[in-house]
């Protein structure tokens, strides 16, 4: 545990912590973006399929 505090106190350790936090933020943002894209794509496909099925039923 003392090694962690020593590393965090050093400049090199602080830079490593900052880089790690930035990578975590980028990863979370990327996951959220992909999830939003997939949800939107799924909704679009569902709407298109329902439209096609309904138009097929009326003909």
PDB file of N, CA and C in Angstrom:
ATOM      1  N   UNK A   1       0.817  -1.186   0.000  1.00  0.00           N
ATOM      2  CA  UNK A   1       0.000   0.000   0.000  1.00  0.00           C
ATOM      3  C   UNK A   1       0.862   1.250   0.000  1.00  0.00           C
ATOM      4  N   UNK A   2       1.990   1.194   0.726  1.00  0.00           N
ATOM      5  CA  UNK A   2       2.875   2.365   0.781  1.00  0.00           C
ATOM      6  C   UNK A   2       3.522   2.621  -0.575  1.00  0.00           C
ATOM      7  N   UNK A   3       3.744   1.564  -1.360  1.00  0.00           N
ATOM      8  CA  UNK A   3       4.304   1.748  -2.698  1.00  0.00           C
ATOM      9  C   UNK A   3       3.334   2.523  -3.588  1.00  0.00           C
ATOM     10  N   UNK A   4       2.050   2.281  -3.415  1.00  0.00           N
ATOM     11  CA  UNK A   4       1.048   2.987  -4.198  1.00  0.00           C
ATOM     12  C   UNK A   4       1.078   4.479  -3.899  1.00  0.00           C
ATOM     13  N   UNK A   5       1.128   4.824  -2.601  1.00  0.00           N
ATOM     14  CA  UNK A   5       1.167   6.233  -2.223  1.00  0.00           C
ATOM     15  C   UNK A   5       2.455   6.891  -2.699  1.00  0.00           C
ATOM     16  N   UNK A   6       3.558   6.177  -2.637  1.00  0.00           N
ATOM     17  CA  UNK A   6       4.823   6.719  -3.112  1.00  0.00           C
ATOM     18  C   UNK A   6       4.755   6.977  -4.606  1.00  0.00           C
ATOM     19  N   UNK A   7       4.154   6.066  -5.316  1.00  0.00           N
ATOM     20  CA  UNK A   7       4.053   6.230  -6.769  1.00  0.00           C
ATOM     21  C   UNK A   7       3.110   7.371  -7.124  1.00  0.00           C
ATOM     22  N   UNK A   8       2.003   7.486  -6.400  1.00  0.00           N
ATOM     23  CA  UNK A   8       1.053   8.555  -6.677  1.00  0.00           C
ATOM     24  C   UNK A   8       1.673   9.914  -6.371  1.00  0.00           C
ATOM     25  N   UNK A   9       2.500   9.988  -5.332  1.00  0.00           N
ATOM     26  CA  UNK A   9       3.136  11.253  -4.958  1.00  0.00           C
ATOM     27  C   UNK A   9       4.183  11.681  -5.976  1.00  0.00           C
ATOM     28  N   UNK A  10       4.827  10.750  -6.624  1.00  0.00           N
ATOM     29  CA  UNK A  10       5.851  11.123  -7.596  1.00  0.00           C
ATOM     30  C   UNK A  10       5.192  11.662  -8.860  1.00  0.00           C
ATOM     31  N   UNK A  11       5.931  12.484  -9.581  1.00  0.00           N
ATOM     32  CA  UNK A  11       5.395  13.085 -10.810  1.00  0.00           C
ATOM     33  C   UNK A  11       5.081  12.015 -11.845  1.00  0.00           C
ATOM     34  N   UNK A  12       5.949  11.054 -11.967  1.00  0.00           N
ATOM     35  CA  UNK A  12       5.738   9.984 -12.927  1.00  0.00           C
ATOM     36  C   UNK A  12       4.469   9.202 -12.571  1.00  0.00           C
ATOM     37  N   UNK A  13       4.270   8.966 -11.305  1.00  0.00           N
ATOM     38  CA  UNK A  13       3.081   8.250 -10.867  1.00  0.00           C
ATOM     39  C   UNK A  13       1.815   9.031 -11.144  1.00  0.00           C
ATOM     40  N   UNK A  14       1.859  10.350 -10.937  1.00  0.00           N
ATOM     41  CA  UNK A  14       0.696  11.189 -11.189  1.00  0.00           C
ATOM     42  C   UNK A  14       0.360  11.171 -12.673  1.00  0.00           C
ATOM     43  N   UNK A  15       1.380  11.233 -13.518  1.00  0.00           N
ATOM     44  CA  UNK A  15       1.129  11.170 -14.959  1.00  0.00           C
ATOM     45  C   UNK A  15       0.505   9.834 -15.342  1.00  0.00           C
ATOM     46  N   UNK A  16       0.963   8.774 -14.724  1.00  0.00           N
ATOM     47  CA  UNK A  16       0.390   7.465 -15.000  1.00  0.00           C
ATOM     48  C   UNK A  16      -1.064   7.381 -14.569  1.00  0.00           C
ATOM     49  N   UNK A  17      -1.385   7.970 -13.418  1.00  0.00           N
ATOM     50  CA  UNK A  17      -2.759   7.966 -12.932  1.00  0.00           C
ATOM     51  C   UNK A  17      -3.644   8.785 -13.865  1.00  0.00           C
ATOM     52  N   UNK A  18      -3.137   9.939 -14.300  1.00  0.00           N
ATOM     53  CA  UNK A  18      -3.914  10.787 -15.217  1.00  0.00           C
ATOM     54  C   UNK A  18      -4.160  10.068 -16.531  1.00  0.00           C
ATOM     55  N   UNK A  19      -3.158   9.425 -17.062  1.00  0.00           N
ATOM     56  CA  UNK A  19      -3.319   8.679 -18.315  1.00  0.00           C
ATOM     57  C   UNK A  19      -4.315   7.544 -18.132  1.00  0.00           C
ATOM     58  N   UNK A  20      -4.239   6.857 -17.017  1.00  0.00           N
ATOM     59  CA  UNK A  20      -5.168   5.761 -16.758  1.00  0.00           C
ATOM     60  C   UNK A  20      -6.601   6.274 -16.668  1.00  0.00           C
ATOM     61  N   UNK A  21      -6.806   7.381 -15.979  1.00  0.00           N
ATOM     62  CA  UNK A  21      -8.151   7.950 -15.883  1.00  0.00           C
ATOM     63  C   UNK A  21      -8.673   8.399 -17.243  1.00  0.00           C
ATOM     64  N   UNK A  22      -7.810   9.002 -18.041  1.00  0.00           N
ATOM     65  CA  UNK A  22      -8.231   9.413 -19.390  1.00  0.00           C
ATOM     66  C   UNK A  22      -8.597   8.207 -20.254  1.00  0.00           C
ATOM     67  N   UNK A  23      -7.813   7.144 -20.141  1.00  0.00           N
ATOM     68  CA  UNK A  23      -8.129   5.935 -20.907  1.00  0.00           C
ATOM     69  C   UNK A  23      -9.458   5.338 -20.456  1.00  0.00           C
ATOM     70  N   UNK A  24      -9.727   5.376 -19.174  1.00  0.00           N
ATOM     71  CA  UNK A  24     -11.005   4.873 -18.665  1.00  0.00           C
ATOM     72  C   UNK A  24     -12.150   5.713 -19.214  1.00  0.00           C
ATOM     73  N   UNK A  25     -11.997   7.037 -19.193  1.00  0.00           N
ATOM     74  CA  UNK A  25     -13.048   7.917 -19.723  1.00  0.00           C
ATOM     75  C   UNK A  25     -13.287   7.679 -21.212  1.00  0.00           C
ATOM     76  N   UNK A  26     -12.212   7.520 -21.967  1.00  0.00           N
ATOM     77  CA  UNK A  26     -12.352   7.254 -23.403  1.00  0.00           C
ATOM     78  C   UNK A  26     -13.038   5.909 -23.626  1.00  0.00           C
ATOM     79  N   UNK A  27     -12.673   4.910 -22.848  1.00  0.00           N
ATOM     80  CA  UNK A  27     -13.296   3.594 -22.981  1.00  0.00           C
ATOM     81  C   UNK A  27     -14.777   3.622 -22.668  1.00  0.00           C
ATOM     82  N   UNK A  28     -15.143   4.304 -21.594  1.00  0.00           N
ATOM     83  CA  UNK A  28     -16.561   4.402 -21.226  1.00  0.00           C
ATOM     84  C   UNK A  28     -17.330   5.165 -22.297  1.00  0.00           C
ATOM     85  N   UNK A  29     -16.742   6.238 -22.812  1.00  0.00           N
ATOM     86  CA  UNK A  29     -17.391   7.000 -23.885  1.00  0.00           C
ATOM     87  C   UNK A  29     -17.570   6.169 -25.139  1.00  0.00           C
ATOM     88  N   UNK A  30     -16.571   5.379 -25.483  1.00  0.00           N
ATOM     89  CA  UNK A  30     -16.666   4.532 -26.675  1.00  0.00           C
ATOM     90  C   UNK A  30     -17.752   3.477 -26.496  1.00  0.00           C
ATOM     91  N   UNK A  31     -17.823   2.887 -25.327  1.00  0.00           N
ATOM     92  CA  UNK A  31     -18.850   1.869 -25.074  1.00  0.00           C
ATOM     93  C   UNK A  31     -20.243   2.490 -25.143  1.00  0.00           C
ATOM     94  N   UNK A  32     -20.395   3.676 -24.562  1.00  0.00           N
ATOM     95  CA  UNK A  32     -21.692   4.358 -24.609  1.00  0.00           C
ATOM     96  C   UNK A  32     -22.065   4.710 -26.045  1.00  0.00           C
ATOM     97  N   UNK A  33     -21.089   5.152 -26.828  1.00  0.00           N
ATOM     98  CA  UNK A  33     -21.348   5.482 -28.230  1.00  0.00           C
ATOM     99  C   UNK A  33     -21.756   4.269 -29.044  1.00  0.00           C
ATOM    100  N   UNK A  34     -21.079   3.167 -28.855  1.00  0.00           N
ATOM    101  CA  UNK A  34     -21.420   1.941 -29.582  1.00  0.00           C
ATOM    102  C   UNK A  34     -22.799   1.446 -29.171  1.00  0.00           C
ATOM    103  N   UNK A  35     -23.121   1.520 -27.891  1.00  0.00           N
ATOM    104  CA  UNK A  35     -24.437   1.077 -27.417  1.00  0.00           C
ATOM    105  C   UNK A  35     -25.538   1.934 -28.031  1.00  0.00           C
ATOM    106  N   UNK A  36     -25.338   3.243 -28.060  1.00  0.00           N
ATOM    107  CA  UNK A  36     -26.323   4.140 -28.662  1.00  0.00           C
ATOM    108  C   UNK A  36     -26.487   3.836 -30.143  1.00  0.00           C
ATOM    109  N   UNK A  37     -25.378   3.630 -30.846  1.00  0.00           N
ATOM    110  CA  UNK A  37     -25.435   3.309 -32.269  1.00  0.00           C
ATOM    111  C   UNK A  37     -26.193   2.010 -32.510  1.00  0.00           C
ATOM    112  N   UNK A  38     -25.912   0.996 -31.703  1.00  0.00           N
ATOM    113  CA  UNK A  38     -26.582  -0.296 -31.876  1.00  0.00           C
ATOM    114  C   UNK A  38     -28.081  -0.191 -31.583  1.00  0.00           C
ATOM    115  N   UNK A  39     -28.450   0.566 -30.547  1.00  0.00           N
ATOM    116  CA  UNK A  39     -29.866   0.745 -30.225  1.00  0.00           C
ATOM    117  C   UNK A  39     -30.591   1.463 -31.354  1.00  0.00           C
ATOM    118  N   UNK A  40     -29.975   2.522 -31.894  1.00  0.00           N
ATOM    119  CA  UNK A  40     -30.591   3.256 -32.992  1.00  0.00           C
ATOM    120  C   UNK A  40     -30.726   2.379 -34.236  1.00  0.00           C
ATOM    121  N   UNK A  41     -29.701   1.593 -34.527  1.00  0.00           N
ATOM    122  CA  UNK A  41     -29.751   0.698 -35.683  1.00  0.00           C
ATOM    123  C   UNK A  41     -30.835  -0.356 -35.505  1.00  0.00           C
ATOM    124  N   UNK A  42     -30.950  -0.893 -34.309  1.00  0.00           N
ATOM    125  CA  UNK A  42     -31.966  -1.903 -34.023  1.00  0.00           C
ATOM    126  C   UNK A  42     -33.365  -1.321 -34.195  1.00  0.00           C
ATOM    127  N   UNK A  43     -33.575  -0.117 -33.695  1.00  0.00           N
ATOM    128  CA  UNK A  43     -34.887   0.524 -33.840  1.00  0.00           C
ATOM    129  C   UNK A  43     -35.204   0.803 -35.302  1.00  0.00           C
ATOM    130  N   UNK A  44     -34.231   1.225 -36.079  1.00  0.00           N
ATOM    131  CA  UNK A  44     -34.433   1.496 -37.504  1.00  0.00           C
ATOM    132  C   UNK A  44     -34.796   0.213 -38.248  1.00  0.00           C
ATOM    133  N   UNK A  45     -34.082  -0.856 -37.973  1.00  0.00           N
ATOM    134  CA  UNK A  45     -34.359  -2.133 -38.642  1.00  0.00           C
ATOM    135  C   UNK A  45     -35.742  -2.640 -38.264  1.00  0.00           C
ATOM    136  N   UNK A  46     -36.108  -2.535 -36.993  1.00  0.00           N
ATOM    137  CA  UNK A  46     -37.429  -2.987 -36.549  1.00  0.00           C
ATOM    138  C   UNK A  46     -38.537  -2.196 -37.240  1.00  0.00           C
ATOM    139  N   UNK A  47     -38.354  -0.890 -37.350  1.00  0.00           N
ATOM    140  CA  UNK A  47     -39.347  -0.053 -38.014  1.00  0.00           C
ATOM    141  C   UNK A  47     -39.468  -0.418 -39.493  1.00  0.00           C
ATOM    142  N   UNK A  48     -38.345  -0.617 -40.166  1.00  0.00           N
ATOM    143  CA  UNK A  48     -38.364  -0.977 -41.589  1.00  0.00           C
ATOM    144  C   UNK A  48     -39.031  -2.334 -41.812  1.00  0.00           C
ATOM    145  N   UNK A  49     -38.754  -3.286 -40.939  1.00  0.00           N
ATOM    146  CA  UNK A  49     -39.361  -4.613 -41.077  1.00  0.00           C
ATOM    147  C   UNK A  49     -40.863  -4.533 -40.848  1.00  0.00           C
ATOM    148  N   UNK A  50     -41.280  -3.806 -39.833  1.00  0.00           N
ATOM    149  CA  UNK A  50     -42.718  -3.661 -39.579  1.00  0.00           C
ATOM    150  C   UNK A  50     -43.424  -2.972 -40.737  1.00  0.00           C
ATOM    151  N   UNK A  51     -42.805  -1.979 -41.332  1.00  0.00           N
ATOM    152  CA  UNK A  51     -43.381  -1.296 -42.489  1.00  0.00           C
ATOM    153  C   UNK A  51     -43.510  -2.266 -43.665  1.00  0.00           C
ATOM    154  N   UNK A  52     -42.484  -3.059 -43.899  1.00  0.00           N
ATOM    155  CA  UNK A  52     -42.520  -4.025 -44.998  1.00  0.00           C
ATOM    156  C   UNK A  52     -43.598  -5.083 -44.769  1.00  0.00           C
ATOM    157  N   UNK A  53     -43.715  -5.569 -43.547  1.00  0.00           N
ATOM    158  CA  UNK A  53     -44.719  -6.582 -43.237  1.00  0.00           C
ATOM    159  C   UNK A  53     -46.119  -6.006 -43.418  1.00  0.00           C
ATOM    160  N   UNK A  54     -46.326  -4.785 -42.938  1.00  0.00           N
ATOM    161  CA  UNK A  54     -47.650  -4.165 -43.062  1.00  0.00           C
ATOM    162  C   UNK A  54     -48.007  -3.893 -44.517  1.00  0.00           C
ATOM    163  N   UNK A  55     -47.037  -3.487 -45.325  1.00  0.00           N
ATOM    164  CA  UNK A  55     -47.320  -3.241 -46.734  1.00  0.00           C
ATOM    165  C   UNK A  55     -47.580  -4.555 -47.474  1.00  0.00           C
ATOM    166  N   UNK A  56     -46.936  -5.622 -47.051  1.00  0.00           N
ATOM    167  CA  UNK A  56     -47.168  -6.940 -47.652  1.00  0.00           C
ATOM    168  C   UNK A  56     -48.576  -7.445 -47.327  1.00  0.00           C
ATOM    169  N   UNK A  57     -49.040  -7.186 -46.088  1.00  0.00           N
ATOM    170  CA  UNK A  57     -50.371  -7.632 -45.663  1.00  0.00           C
ATOM    171  C   UNK A  57     -51.463  -6.905 -46.427  1.00  0.00           C
ATOM    172  N   UNK A  58     -51.263  -5.630 -46.735  1.00  0.00           N
ATOM    173  CA  UNK A  58     -52.289  -4.858 -47.426  1.00  0.00           C
ATOM    174  C   UNK A  58     -52.366  -5.198 -48.902  1.00  0.00           C
ATOM    175  N   UNK A  59     -51.304  -5.756 -49.473  1.00  0.00           N
ATOM    176  CA  UNK A  59     -51.333  -6.121 -50.899  1.00  0.00           C
ATOM    177  C   UNK A  59     -51.842  -7.493 -51.010  1.00  0.00           C
TER     178      UNK A  59
END
